[in-house]
N, C-alpha and C. Protein backbone atom coordinates (compact mmCIF):
# COMPACT_ATOMS: atom_id res chain seq x y z
N MET A 1 -3.14 -23.76 2.29
CA MET A 1 -2.91 -22.32 2.19
C MET A 1 -1.43 -22.02 2.45
N ILE A 2 -0.82 -21.25 1.57
CA ILE A 2 0.56 -20.83 1.75
C ILE A 2 0.55 -19.45 2.40
N THR A 3 0.91 -19.37 3.67
CA THR A 3 0.83 -18.11 4.43
C THR A 3 1.96 -17.16 4.06
N TYR A 4 3.16 -17.69 3.95
CA TYR A 4 4.29 -16.86 3.52
C TYR A 4 5.36 -17.76 2.92
N ILE A 5 6.28 -17.11 2.20
CA ILE A 5 7.40 -17.83 1.59
C ILE A 5 8.68 -17.11 2.00
N ARG A 6 9.63 -17.88 2.53
CA ARG A 6 10.93 -17.33 2.90
C ARG A 6 12.01 -18.06 2.09
N GLY A 7 12.85 -17.30 1.45
CA GLY A 7 13.92 -17.91 0.66
C GLY A 7 14.80 -16.87 0.01
N GLU A 8 15.56 -17.28 -0.97
CA GLU A 8 16.48 -16.37 -1.66
C GLU A 8 15.78 -15.72 -2.85
N LEU A 9 15.88 -14.40 -2.93
CA LEU A 9 15.29 -13.67 -4.05
C LEU A 9 16.10 -13.97 -5.31
N ALA A 10 15.48 -14.69 -6.24
CA ALA A 10 16.20 -15.12 -7.44
C ALA A 10 16.14 -14.10 -8.56
N SER A 11 14.96 -13.47 -8.75
CA SER A 11 14.83 -12.47 -9.81
C SER A 11 13.60 -11.61 -9.57
N VAL A 12 13.60 -10.45 -10.22
CA VAL A 12 12.48 -9.51 -10.11
C VAL A 12 12.23 -8.90 -11.49
N ASP A 13 10.94 -8.83 -11.90
CA ASP A 13 10.62 -8.09 -13.12
C ASP A 13 9.50 -7.10 -12.79
N GLU A 14 8.82 -6.58 -13.78
CA GLU A 14 7.83 -5.54 -13.56
C GLU A 14 6.60 -6.02 -12.81
N GLN A 15 6.32 -7.31 -12.83
CA GLN A 15 5.09 -7.81 -12.23
C GLN A 15 5.31 -8.78 -11.09
N ARG A 16 6.44 -9.44 -11.05
CA ARG A 16 6.60 -10.52 -10.08
C ARG A 16 8.03 -10.67 -9.59
N ALA A 17 8.11 -11.41 -8.50
CA ALA A 17 9.41 -11.80 -7.96
C ALA A 17 9.46 -13.32 -7.95
N VAL A 18 10.64 -13.86 -8.11
CA VAL A 18 10.82 -15.31 -8.01
C VAL A 18 11.68 -15.58 -6.79
N VAL A 19 11.16 -16.40 -5.88
CA VAL A 19 11.88 -16.73 -4.66
C VAL A 19 12.27 -18.20 -4.68
N ASP A 20 13.55 -18.47 -4.49
CA ASP A 20 14.07 -19.83 -4.49
C ASP A 20 14.00 -20.39 -3.07
N VAL A 21 13.20 -21.44 -2.90
CA VAL A 21 13.09 -22.11 -1.61
C VAL A 21 13.51 -23.57 -1.78
N GLY A 22 14.70 -23.89 -1.32
CA GLY A 22 15.18 -25.26 -1.43
C GLY A 22 15.28 -25.78 -2.84
N GLY A 23 15.62 -24.89 -3.79
CA GLY A 23 15.76 -25.31 -5.17
C GLY A 23 14.49 -25.21 -5.99
N VAL A 24 13.39 -24.79 -5.37
CA VAL A 24 12.12 -24.60 -6.09
C VAL A 24 11.85 -23.10 -6.21
N GLY A 25 11.62 -22.63 -7.43
CA GLY A 25 11.37 -21.21 -7.65
C GLY A 25 9.88 -20.89 -7.62
N TYR A 26 9.47 -20.05 -6.69
CA TYR A 26 8.07 -19.63 -6.57
C TYR A 26 7.89 -18.28 -7.24
N SER A 27 7.00 -18.22 -8.25
CA SER A 27 6.70 -16.98 -8.95
C SER A 27 5.56 -16.27 -8.21
N ILE A 28 5.82 -15.04 -7.76
CA ILE A 28 4.87 -14.33 -6.91
C ILE A 28 4.56 -12.96 -7.51
N PHE A 29 3.29 -12.74 -7.87
CA PHE A 29 2.87 -11.43 -8.35
C PHE A 29 2.83 -10.45 -7.18
N MET A 30 3.38 -9.25 -7.37
CA MET A 30 3.44 -8.27 -6.29
C MET A 30 3.14 -6.87 -6.82
N PRO A 31 2.64 -5.97 -5.95
CA PRO A 31 2.44 -4.58 -6.37
C PRO A 31 3.78 -3.97 -6.77
N GLN A 32 3.76 -3.05 -7.72
CA GLN A 32 5.01 -2.45 -8.20
C GLN A 32 5.77 -1.75 -7.09
N GLN A 33 5.04 -1.08 -6.19
CA GLN A 33 5.72 -0.37 -5.12
C GLN A 33 6.42 -1.34 -4.17
N ALA A 34 5.83 -2.53 -3.97
CA ALA A 34 6.46 -3.54 -3.12
C ALA A 34 7.70 -4.11 -3.81
N LEU A 35 7.60 -4.32 -5.12
CA LEU A 35 8.75 -4.84 -5.87
C LEU A 35 9.94 -3.89 -5.77
N SER A 36 9.65 -2.59 -5.78
CA SER A 36 10.73 -1.59 -5.72
C SER A 36 11.44 -1.58 -4.37
N LEU A 37 10.80 -2.14 -3.34
CA LEU A 37 11.39 -2.14 -2.00
C LEU A 37 12.15 -3.43 -1.68
N LEU A 38 12.12 -4.39 -2.60
CA LEU A 38 12.83 -5.64 -2.35
C LEU A 38 14.34 -5.43 -2.34
N PRO A 39 15.06 -6.21 -1.55
CA PRO A 39 16.52 -6.10 -1.52
C PRO A 39 17.13 -6.66 -2.81
N PRO A 40 18.43 -6.56 -2.98
CA PRO A 40 19.07 -7.08 -4.19
C PRO A 40 18.87 -8.60 -4.33
N THR A 41 18.89 -9.07 -5.56
CA THR A 41 18.77 -10.51 -5.79
C THR A 41 19.90 -11.23 -5.06
N GLY A 42 19.58 -12.41 -4.55
CA GLY A 42 20.54 -13.15 -3.75
C GLY A 42 20.31 -12.98 -2.27
N SER A 43 19.52 -11.95 -1.90
CA SER A 43 19.21 -11.70 -0.49
C SER A 43 18.08 -12.62 -0.03
N GLU A 44 18.00 -12.84 1.30
CA GLU A 44 16.88 -13.60 1.83
C GLU A 44 15.69 -12.68 2.02
N VAL A 45 14.51 -13.16 1.63
CA VAL A 45 13.29 -12.37 1.78
C VAL A 45 12.18 -13.23 2.40
N LYS A 46 11.24 -12.56 3.01
CA LYS A 46 10.03 -13.21 3.51
C LYS A 46 8.86 -12.45 2.92
N ILE A 47 8.03 -13.15 2.15
CA ILE A 47 6.90 -12.52 1.47
C ILE A 47 5.61 -13.18 1.92
N HIS A 48 4.68 -12.37 2.40
CA HIS A 48 3.37 -12.86 2.84
C HIS A 48 2.52 -13.07 1.60
N THR A 49 1.86 -14.22 1.51
CA THR A 49 1.23 -14.60 0.25
C THR A 49 -0.25 -14.93 0.35
N TYR A 50 -0.90 -14.74 -0.80
CA TYR A 50 -2.30 -15.15 -0.98
C TYR A 50 -2.32 -16.09 -2.18
N LEU A 51 -2.86 -17.29 -1.99
CA LEU A 51 -2.92 -18.28 -3.08
C LEU A 51 -4.28 -18.21 -3.74
N ASN A 52 -4.29 -17.86 -5.02
CA ASN A 52 -5.54 -17.79 -5.79
C ASN A 52 -5.64 -19.03 -6.68
N VAL A 53 -6.65 -19.83 -6.43
CA VAL A 53 -6.83 -21.08 -7.17
C VAL A 53 -7.91 -20.91 -8.23
N LYS A 54 -7.53 -21.12 -9.49
CA LYS A 54 -8.48 -21.04 -10.60
C LYS A 54 -8.57 -22.42 -11.25
N GLU A 55 -9.51 -22.58 -12.15
CA GLU A 55 -9.69 -23.87 -12.82
C GLU A 55 -8.45 -24.28 -13.60
N ASP A 56 -7.78 -23.28 -14.20
CA ASP A 56 -6.64 -23.60 -15.06
C ASP A 56 -5.29 -23.16 -14.51
N ALA A 57 -5.28 -22.61 -13.29
CA ALA A 57 -3.99 -22.14 -12.76
C ALA A 57 -4.07 -21.87 -11.26
N MET A 58 -2.89 -21.85 -10.64
CA MET A 58 -2.76 -21.41 -9.25
C MET A 58 -1.76 -20.26 -9.24
N GLN A 59 -2.17 -19.14 -8.67
CA GLN A 59 -1.32 -17.96 -8.68
C GLN A 59 -1.05 -17.49 -7.25
N LEU A 60 0.20 -17.08 -7.02
CA LEU A 60 0.58 -16.52 -5.72
C LEU A 60 0.68 -15.00 -5.84
N PHE A 61 0.07 -14.30 -4.89
CA PHE A 61 0.17 -12.85 -4.81
C PHE A 61 0.88 -12.53 -3.51
N GLY A 62 1.90 -11.68 -3.58
CA GLY A 62 2.73 -11.48 -2.40
C GLY A 62 2.83 -10.04 -1.93
N PHE A 63 3.10 -9.89 -0.63
CA PHE A 63 3.16 -8.57 0.02
C PHE A 63 4.26 -8.58 1.07
N LEU A 64 4.81 -7.41 1.34
CA LEU A 64 5.95 -7.31 2.25
C LEU A 64 5.56 -7.43 3.72
N THR A 65 4.31 -7.11 4.04
CA THR A 65 3.86 -7.19 5.44
C THR A 65 2.51 -7.87 5.52
N ARG A 66 2.17 -8.36 6.70
CA ARG A 66 0.84 -8.95 6.93
C ARG A 66 -0.24 -7.89 6.74
N ASP A 67 0.09 -6.66 7.12
CA ASP A 67 -0.87 -5.57 6.98
C ASP A 67 -1.23 -5.33 5.51
N ASP A 68 -0.22 -5.34 4.64
CA ASP A 68 -0.47 -5.18 3.21
C ASP A 68 -1.35 -6.31 2.68
N LEU A 69 -1.08 -7.52 3.15
CA LEU A 69 -1.87 -8.67 2.74
C LEU A 69 -3.32 -8.53 3.18
N GLU A 70 -3.54 -8.03 4.40
CA GLU A 70 -4.90 -7.89 4.92
C GLU A 70 -5.69 -6.86 4.13
N ILE A 71 -5.08 -5.75 3.75
CA ILE A 71 -5.80 -4.74 2.97
C ILE A 71 -6.12 -5.30 1.59
N PHE A 72 -5.23 -6.15 1.05
CA PHE A 72 -5.49 -6.82 -0.23
C PHE A 72 -6.70 -7.74 -0.11
N ARG A 73 -6.77 -8.49 0.98
CA ARG A 73 -7.91 -9.39 1.20
C ARG A 73 -9.22 -8.60 1.28
N LEU A 74 -9.18 -7.44 1.93
CA LEU A 74 -10.39 -6.61 2.01
C LEU A 74 -10.82 -6.16 0.62
N VAL A 75 -9.84 -5.75 -0.18
CA VAL A 75 -10.15 -5.23 -1.52
C VAL A 75 -10.77 -6.31 -2.41
N ILE A 76 -10.17 -7.51 -2.42
CA ILE A 76 -10.71 -8.55 -3.30
C ILE A 76 -11.98 -9.16 -2.74
N GLY A 77 -12.33 -8.80 -1.52
CA GLY A 77 -13.61 -9.23 -0.95
C GLY A 77 -14.77 -8.44 -1.51
N VAL A 78 -14.47 -7.35 -2.20
CA VAL A 78 -15.51 -6.54 -2.84
C VAL A 78 -15.88 -7.19 -4.17
N SER A 79 -17.15 -7.48 -4.37
CA SER A 79 -17.58 -8.16 -5.60
C SER A 79 -17.20 -7.33 -6.82
N GLY A 80 -16.66 -8.01 -7.81
CA GLY A 80 -16.25 -7.33 -9.03
C GLY A 80 -14.77 -6.99 -9.08
N ILE A 81 -14.06 -7.20 -7.94
CA ILE A 81 -12.62 -6.94 -7.92
C ILE A 81 -11.89 -8.24 -7.63
N GLY A 82 -11.15 -8.73 -8.61
CA GLY A 82 -10.39 -9.95 -8.42
C GLY A 82 -8.97 -9.65 -7.97
N PRO A 83 -8.16 -10.70 -7.80
CA PRO A 83 -6.78 -10.50 -7.37
C PRO A 83 -5.97 -9.56 -8.26
N LYS A 84 -6.14 -9.66 -9.59
CA LYS A 84 -5.39 -8.78 -10.49
C LYS A 84 -5.82 -7.33 -10.30
N GLY A 85 -7.13 -7.12 -10.10
CA GLY A 85 -7.63 -5.77 -9.86
C GLY A 85 -7.11 -5.22 -8.54
N GLY A 86 -7.09 -6.07 -7.53
CA GLY A 86 -6.56 -5.66 -6.23
C GLY A 86 -5.09 -5.30 -6.32
N LEU A 87 -4.35 -6.07 -7.12
CA LEU A 87 -2.93 -5.80 -7.31
C LEU A 87 -2.72 -4.47 -8.02
N ASN A 88 -3.57 -4.18 -9.02
CA ASN A 88 -3.47 -2.92 -9.75
C ASN A 88 -3.70 -1.73 -8.82
N ILE A 89 -4.69 -1.87 -7.93
CA ILE A 89 -4.97 -0.78 -6.98
C ILE A 89 -3.78 -0.55 -6.06
N LEU A 90 -3.20 -1.64 -5.54
CA LEU A 90 -2.09 -1.50 -4.61
C LEU A 90 -0.76 -1.22 -5.30
N SER A 91 -0.78 -1.22 -6.64
CA SER A 91 0.39 -0.77 -7.39
C SER A 91 0.34 0.75 -7.57
N CYS A 92 -0.87 1.30 -7.56
CA CYS A 92 -1.04 2.74 -7.71
C CYS A 92 -1.06 3.46 -6.36
N LEU A 93 -1.60 2.78 -5.34
CA LEU A 93 -1.72 3.37 -4.01
C LEU A 93 -1.08 2.46 -2.98
N THR A 94 -0.33 3.03 -2.07
CA THR A 94 0.16 2.22 -0.95
C THR A 94 -1.03 1.89 -0.05
N PRO A 95 -0.91 0.89 0.82
CA PRO A 95 -2.01 0.60 1.74
C PRO A 95 -2.45 1.82 2.54
N ASP A 96 -1.50 2.66 2.99
CA ASP A 96 -1.83 3.88 3.72
C ASP A 96 -2.66 4.82 2.85
N GLU A 97 -2.22 5.02 1.61
CA GLU A 97 -2.94 5.91 0.70
C GLU A 97 -4.33 5.38 0.40
N LEU A 98 -4.46 4.05 0.25
CA LEU A 98 -5.76 3.46 -0.01
C LEU A 98 -6.70 3.66 1.17
N ARG A 99 -6.17 3.50 2.39
CA ARG A 99 -7.00 3.72 3.59
C ARG A 99 -7.54 5.15 3.62
N PHE A 100 -6.66 6.11 3.36
CA PHE A 100 -7.09 7.50 3.36
C PHE A 100 -8.12 7.75 2.25
N ALA A 101 -7.91 7.15 1.08
CA ALA A 101 -8.84 7.32 -0.03
C ALA A 101 -10.22 6.77 0.33
N ILE A 102 -10.25 5.62 0.99
CA ILE A 102 -11.53 5.02 1.39
C ILE A 102 -12.22 5.89 2.44
N MET A 103 -11.46 6.34 3.45
CA MET A 103 -12.04 7.14 4.52
C MET A 103 -12.60 8.46 4.00
N SER A 104 -11.94 9.06 3.02
CA SER A 104 -12.36 10.38 2.53
C SER A 104 -13.25 10.30 1.29
N GLY A 105 -13.53 9.07 0.82
CA GLY A 105 -14.38 8.91 -0.35
C GLY A 105 -13.72 9.37 -1.64
N ASP A 106 -12.40 9.22 -1.72
CA ASP A 106 -11.64 9.68 -2.88
C ASP A 106 -11.65 8.63 -3.99
N ALA A 107 -12.78 8.55 -4.71
CA ALA A 107 -12.93 7.56 -5.77
C ALA A 107 -11.96 7.83 -6.92
N LYS A 108 -11.63 9.10 -7.14
CA LYS A 108 -10.73 9.47 -8.24
C LYS A 108 -9.36 8.82 -8.08
N ALA A 109 -8.84 8.82 -6.84
CA ALA A 109 -7.52 8.23 -6.60
C ALA A 109 -7.56 6.72 -6.86
N ILE A 110 -8.64 6.07 -6.43
CA ILE A 110 -8.74 4.61 -6.60
C ILE A 110 -8.96 4.24 -8.06
N SER A 111 -9.78 5.02 -8.76
CA SER A 111 -10.09 4.70 -10.16
C SER A 111 -8.92 4.98 -11.10
N ALA A 112 -7.83 5.55 -10.58
CA ALA A 112 -6.64 5.76 -11.39
C ALA A 112 -5.94 4.43 -11.69
N ALA A 113 -6.27 3.39 -10.93
CA ALA A 113 -5.69 2.07 -11.15
C ALA A 113 -6.22 1.46 -12.45
N PRO A 114 -5.37 0.82 -13.24
CA PRO A 114 -5.81 0.19 -14.49
C PRO A 114 -6.95 -0.80 -14.25
N GLY A 115 -8.00 -0.71 -15.06
CA GLY A 115 -9.11 -1.66 -14.97
C GLY A 115 -10.11 -1.36 -13.88
N ILE A 116 -9.90 -0.27 -13.13
CA ILE A 116 -10.83 0.09 -12.05
C ILE A 116 -11.56 1.37 -12.44
N GLY A 117 -12.83 1.23 -12.77
CA GLY A 117 -13.62 2.39 -13.16
C GLY A 117 -14.17 3.14 -11.95
N LYS A 118 -14.82 4.27 -12.23
CA LYS A 118 -15.36 5.12 -11.17
C LYS A 118 -16.40 4.37 -10.33
N LYS A 119 -17.28 3.63 -11.00
CA LYS A 119 -18.34 2.91 -10.28
C LYS A 119 -17.76 1.84 -9.36
N THR A 120 -16.74 1.13 -9.85
CA THR A 120 -16.09 0.11 -9.03
C THR A 120 -15.41 0.75 -7.83
N ALA A 121 -14.74 1.87 -8.07
CA ALA A 121 -14.06 2.58 -6.98
C ALA A 121 -15.08 3.04 -5.93
N GLU A 122 -16.20 3.56 -6.38
CA GLU A 122 -17.24 4.02 -5.44
C GLU A 122 -17.82 2.85 -4.66
N LYS A 123 -17.98 1.71 -5.33
CA LYS A 123 -18.49 0.52 -4.66
C LYS A 123 -17.51 0.06 -3.59
N LEU A 124 -16.21 0.08 -3.91
CA LEU A 124 -15.19 -0.32 -2.95
C LEU A 124 -15.24 0.57 -1.71
N ILE A 125 -15.40 1.87 -1.93
CA ILE A 125 -15.47 2.82 -0.81
C ILE A 125 -16.67 2.52 0.07
N VAL A 126 -17.83 2.30 -0.55
CA VAL A 126 -19.06 2.03 0.21
C VAL A 126 -18.93 0.75 1.04
N GLU A 127 -18.36 -0.30 0.43
CA GLU A 127 -18.29 -1.59 1.11
C GLU A 127 -17.20 -1.66 2.19
N LEU A 128 -16.14 -0.85 2.03
CA LEU A 128 -15.02 -0.94 2.99
C LEU A 128 -14.96 0.20 4.00
N LYS A 129 -15.76 1.24 3.81
CA LYS A 129 -15.65 2.40 4.69
C LYS A 129 -15.87 2.04 6.15
N ASP A 130 -16.81 1.14 6.42
CA ASP A 130 -17.09 0.74 7.80
C ASP A 130 -16.04 -0.21 8.36
N LYS A 131 -15.17 -0.74 7.49
CA LYS A 131 -14.15 -1.68 7.93
C LYS A 131 -12.79 -1.00 8.15
N ILE A 132 -12.70 0.25 7.74
CA ILE A 132 -11.49 1.03 7.94
C ILE A 132 -11.79 2.11 8.97
N HIS A 133 -11.07 2.09 10.09
CA HIS A 133 -11.34 3.03 11.18
C HIS A 133 -10.30 4.15 11.19
N VAL A 134 -10.75 5.33 11.59
CA VAL A 134 -9.87 6.50 11.61
C VAL A 134 -8.62 6.23 12.43
N GLU A 135 -8.79 5.59 13.60
CA GLU A 135 -7.65 5.32 14.48
C GLU A 135 -6.62 4.44 13.77
N ASP A 136 -7.10 3.44 13.03
CA ASP A 136 -6.19 2.55 12.32
C ASP A 136 -5.44 3.31 11.23
N VAL A 137 -6.15 4.18 10.50
CA VAL A 137 -5.53 4.93 9.42
C VAL A 137 -4.41 5.81 9.95
N LEU A 138 -4.69 6.55 11.04
CA LEU A 138 -3.67 7.44 11.60
C LEU A 138 -2.51 6.66 12.20
N GLU A 139 -2.80 5.52 12.79
CA GLU A 139 -1.74 4.69 13.37
C GLU A 139 -0.79 4.22 12.30
N HIS A 140 -1.35 3.77 11.16
CA HIS A 140 -0.49 3.30 10.08
C HIS A 140 0.28 4.45 9.45
N ALA A 141 -0.35 5.61 9.35
CA ALA A 141 0.34 6.77 8.78
C ALA A 141 1.47 7.22 9.68
N ALA A 142 1.25 7.10 10.99
CA ALA A 142 2.26 7.55 11.95
C ALA A 142 3.43 6.59 12.07
N HIS A 143 3.13 5.30 12.09
CA HIS A 143 4.19 4.33 12.37
C HIS A 143 4.82 3.72 11.13
N GLY A 144 4.15 3.83 9.99
CA GLY A 144 4.76 3.43 8.73
C GLY A 144 4.80 1.92 8.54
N ASP A 145 5.56 1.54 7.51
CA ASP A 145 5.62 0.15 7.07
C ASP A 145 6.71 -0.59 7.83
N GLU A 146 6.36 -1.71 8.42
CA GLU A 146 7.30 -2.47 9.24
C GLU A 146 8.45 -3.04 8.41
N TYR A 147 8.27 -3.10 7.09
CA TYR A 147 9.32 -3.70 6.25
C TYR A 147 10.47 -2.74 6.01
N ARG A 148 10.17 -1.43 6.05
CA ARG A 148 11.21 -0.45 5.78
C ARG A 148 12.20 -0.43 6.92
N ALA A 149 13.46 -0.32 6.57
CA ALA A 149 14.51 -0.40 7.57
C ALA A 149 14.50 0.81 8.48
N GLY A 150 14.81 0.57 9.76
CA GLY A 150 14.96 1.66 10.71
C GLY A 150 13.67 2.05 11.38
N GLU A 151 13.78 2.66 12.57
CA GLU A 151 12.61 3.15 13.28
C GLU A 151 12.64 4.67 13.26
N GLU A 152 11.55 5.28 12.81
CA GLU A 152 11.50 6.72 12.71
C GLU A 152 11.08 7.31 14.05
N ASP A 153 11.42 8.58 14.22
CA ASP A 153 11.07 9.27 15.44
C ASP A 153 9.56 9.40 15.58
N THR A 154 9.02 8.97 16.73
CA THR A 154 7.57 8.95 16.94
C THR A 154 6.96 10.34 16.84
N ALA A 155 7.61 11.35 17.42
CA ALA A 155 7.08 12.71 17.38
C ALA A 155 6.97 13.20 15.94
N SER A 156 8.00 12.92 15.14
CA SER A 156 8.00 13.33 13.74
C SER A 156 6.86 12.64 12.98
N ASP A 157 6.67 11.34 13.24
CA ASP A 157 5.60 10.59 12.59
C ASP A 157 4.23 11.16 12.95
N SER A 158 4.05 11.52 14.21
CA SER A 158 2.78 12.07 14.67
C SER A 158 2.50 13.40 13.97
N MET A 159 3.55 14.21 13.81
CA MET A 159 3.38 15.49 13.12
C MET A 159 2.98 15.27 11.66
N GLN A 160 3.57 14.25 11.03
CA GLN A 160 3.22 13.95 9.65
C GLN A 160 1.75 13.55 9.53
N ALA A 161 1.29 12.72 10.46
CA ALA A 161 -0.11 12.30 10.45
C ALA A 161 -1.03 13.51 10.63
N GLU A 162 -0.64 14.42 11.52
CA GLU A 162 -1.43 15.63 11.76
C GLU A 162 -1.45 16.51 10.51
N ALA A 163 -0.32 16.58 9.83
CA ALA A 163 -0.23 17.38 8.61
C ALA A 163 -1.13 16.82 7.51
N VAL A 164 -1.19 15.51 7.40
CA VAL A 164 -2.07 14.88 6.40
C VAL A 164 -3.52 15.24 6.70
N GLN A 165 -3.92 15.15 7.97
CA GLN A 165 -5.28 15.51 8.36
C GLN A 165 -5.59 16.96 7.98
N ALA A 166 -4.62 17.84 8.21
CA ALA A 166 -4.83 19.26 7.92
C ALA A 166 -5.02 19.50 6.43
N LEU A 167 -4.23 18.81 5.60
CA LEU A 167 -4.34 18.97 4.16
C LEU A 167 -5.68 18.45 3.63
N VAL A 168 -6.12 17.32 4.18
CA VAL A 168 -7.43 16.77 3.79
C VAL A 168 -8.53 17.75 4.18
N ALA A 169 -8.40 18.37 5.36
CA ALA A 169 -9.39 19.35 5.81
C ALA A 169 -9.41 20.58 4.89
N LEU A 170 -8.26 20.87 4.27
CA LEU A 170 -8.18 22.01 3.35
C LEU A 170 -8.78 21.68 1.98
N GLY A 171 -9.12 20.40 1.78
CA GLY A 171 -9.77 20.03 0.52
C GLY A 171 -8.93 19.22 -0.43
N TYR A 172 -7.70 18.92 -0.05
CA TYR A 172 -6.86 18.09 -0.93
C TYR A 172 -7.25 16.62 -0.79
N GLY A 173 -6.99 15.83 -1.82
CA GLY A 173 -7.30 14.41 -1.76
C GLY A 173 -6.43 13.72 -0.73
N SER A 174 -6.98 12.69 -0.11
CA SER A 174 -6.24 12.00 0.95
C SER A 174 -4.96 11.35 0.44
N ALA A 175 -5.04 10.71 -0.73
CA ALA A 175 -3.87 10.02 -1.26
C ALA A 175 -2.77 11.02 -1.63
N GLU A 176 -3.15 12.12 -2.31
CA GLU A 176 -2.12 13.09 -2.71
C GLU A 176 -1.55 13.82 -1.50
N SER A 177 -2.37 14.00 -0.46
CA SER A 177 -1.88 14.65 0.76
C SER A 177 -0.82 13.79 1.43
N LEU A 178 -1.10 12.49 1.56
CA LEU A 178 -0.16 11.58 2.19
C LEU A 178 1.13 11.49 1.38
N ARG A 179 0.97 11.46 0.07
CA ARG A 179 2.14 11.36 -0.81
C ARG A 179 3.03 12.60 -0.66
N ALA A 180 2.40 13.78 -0.60
CA ALA A 180 3.16 15.03 -0.47
C ALA A 180 3.87 15.11 0.87
N VAL A 181 3.19 14.70 1.94
CA VAL A 181 3.79 14.76 3.28
C VAL A 181 4.98 13.82 3.37
N LYS A 182 4.88 12.66 2.73
CA LYS A 182 5.98 11.69 2.79
C LYS A 182 7.22 12.19 2.04
N LYS A 183 7.04 13.19 1.16
CA LYS A 183 8.17 13.75 0.41
C LYS A 183 8.92 14.82 1.20
N THR A 184 8.32 15.28 2.31
CA THR A 184 8.92 16.38 3.05
C THR A 184 10.20 15.95 3.77
N SER A 185 11.02 16.94 4.08
CA SER A 185 12.31 16.68 4.72
C SER A 185 12.13 16.24 6.18
N PRO A 186 12.93 15.28 6.64
CA PRO A 186 12.87 14.86 8.04
C PRO A 186 13.34 15.96 8.99
N ASP A 187 13.90 17.04 8.42
CA ASP A 187 14.38 18.16 9.25
C ASP A 187 13.26 19.11 9.66
N CYS A 188 12.06 18.91 9.13
CA CYS A 188 10.94 19.78 9.50
C CYS A 188 10.68 19.64 11.00
N ALA A 189 10.66 20.78 11.71
CA ALA A 189 10.58 20.75 13.17
C ALA A 189 9.15 20.87 13.70
N THR A 190 8.23 21.38 12.88
CA THR A 190 6.85 21.57 13.33
C THR A 190 5.88 21.11 12.26
N VAL A 191 4.61 21.00 12.65
CA VAL A 191 3.56 20.64 11.69
C VAL A 191 3.48 21.70 10.60
N GLU A 192 3.64 22.98 11.01
CA GLU A 192 3.58 24.09 10.05
C GLU A 192 4.69 23.95 9.00
N ASP A 193 5.88 23.54 9.44
CA ASP A 193 6.99 23.35 8.50
C ASP A 193 6.66 22.25 7.48
N ILE A 194 6.08 21.17 7.99
CA ILE A 194 5.70 20.06 7.11
C ILE A 194 4.66 20.52 6.10
N LEU A 195 3.66 21.27 6.58
CA LEU A 195 2.59 21.75 5.69
C LEU A 195 3.14 22.67 4.60
N LYS A 196 4.02 23.59 4.99
CA LYS A 196 4.59 24.53 4.00
C LYS A 196 5.33 23.77 2.91
N GLU A 197 6.11 22.77 3.31
CA GLU A 197 6.88 22.01 2.33
C GLU A 197 5.98 21.11 1.50
N ALA A 198 4.99 20.48 2.14
CA ALA A 198 4.07 19.60 1.42
C ALA A 198 3.27 20.36 0.37
N LEU A 199 2.88 21.58 0.70
CA LEU A 199 2.08 22.39 -0.23
C LEU A 199 2.85 22.68 -1.53
N LYS A 200 4.18 22.72 -1.44
CA LYS A 200 4.99 22.95 -2.63
C LYS A 200 4.81 21.80 -3.63
N TYR A 201 4.65 20.58 -3.10
CA TYR A 201 4.47 19.42 -3.96
C TYR A 201 3.05 19.31 -4.52
N LEU A 202 2.12 20.04 -3.90
CA LEU A 202 0.73 19.97 -4.31
C LEU A 202 0.37 21.02 -5.34
N PHE A 203 1.22 22.06 -5.47
CA PHE A 203 0.93 23.12 -6.45
C PHE A 203 1.48 22.75 -7.82
């Protein structure tokens, strides 16, 4: 099992990154959102990987954090969803957005991924709902992705998490609520300020 790969980022295209480790180039399929967060080519990267072994090929799927890898493992553990399907889901939804979609039963957000129909999305929600806990969802929403540079203010993060909860309570989809809140200005001083600004992105 290849747990992670650390080396020089050699190239990036729409589906994969190539990492040079001691003169050997490893081709790693990654979600589009993760690919967009990679540093410039020539930089050192560490990518957490899942090795998929098939009769005719071995494929590496990569993620920026262990947390992203774990949510991918949960998704492909659902019968009918393979690694490519899991990658498509995580290309459309960040792990945070996927957690919120599962918790709120937002099959529409999940089925927006290529190759994932409504029935498959509903099955994923049913099978994973008990494995995703509210506390974990809010913790990840508040503290964010460990790969992104810098540490954000804890109070601000907590307000954002509270704002997402409020929008979901108002009837908005969990994924779109999280996406709108993440677009708000860091200058927002209160939850009300965040909600007012987030609502502009939802109309």
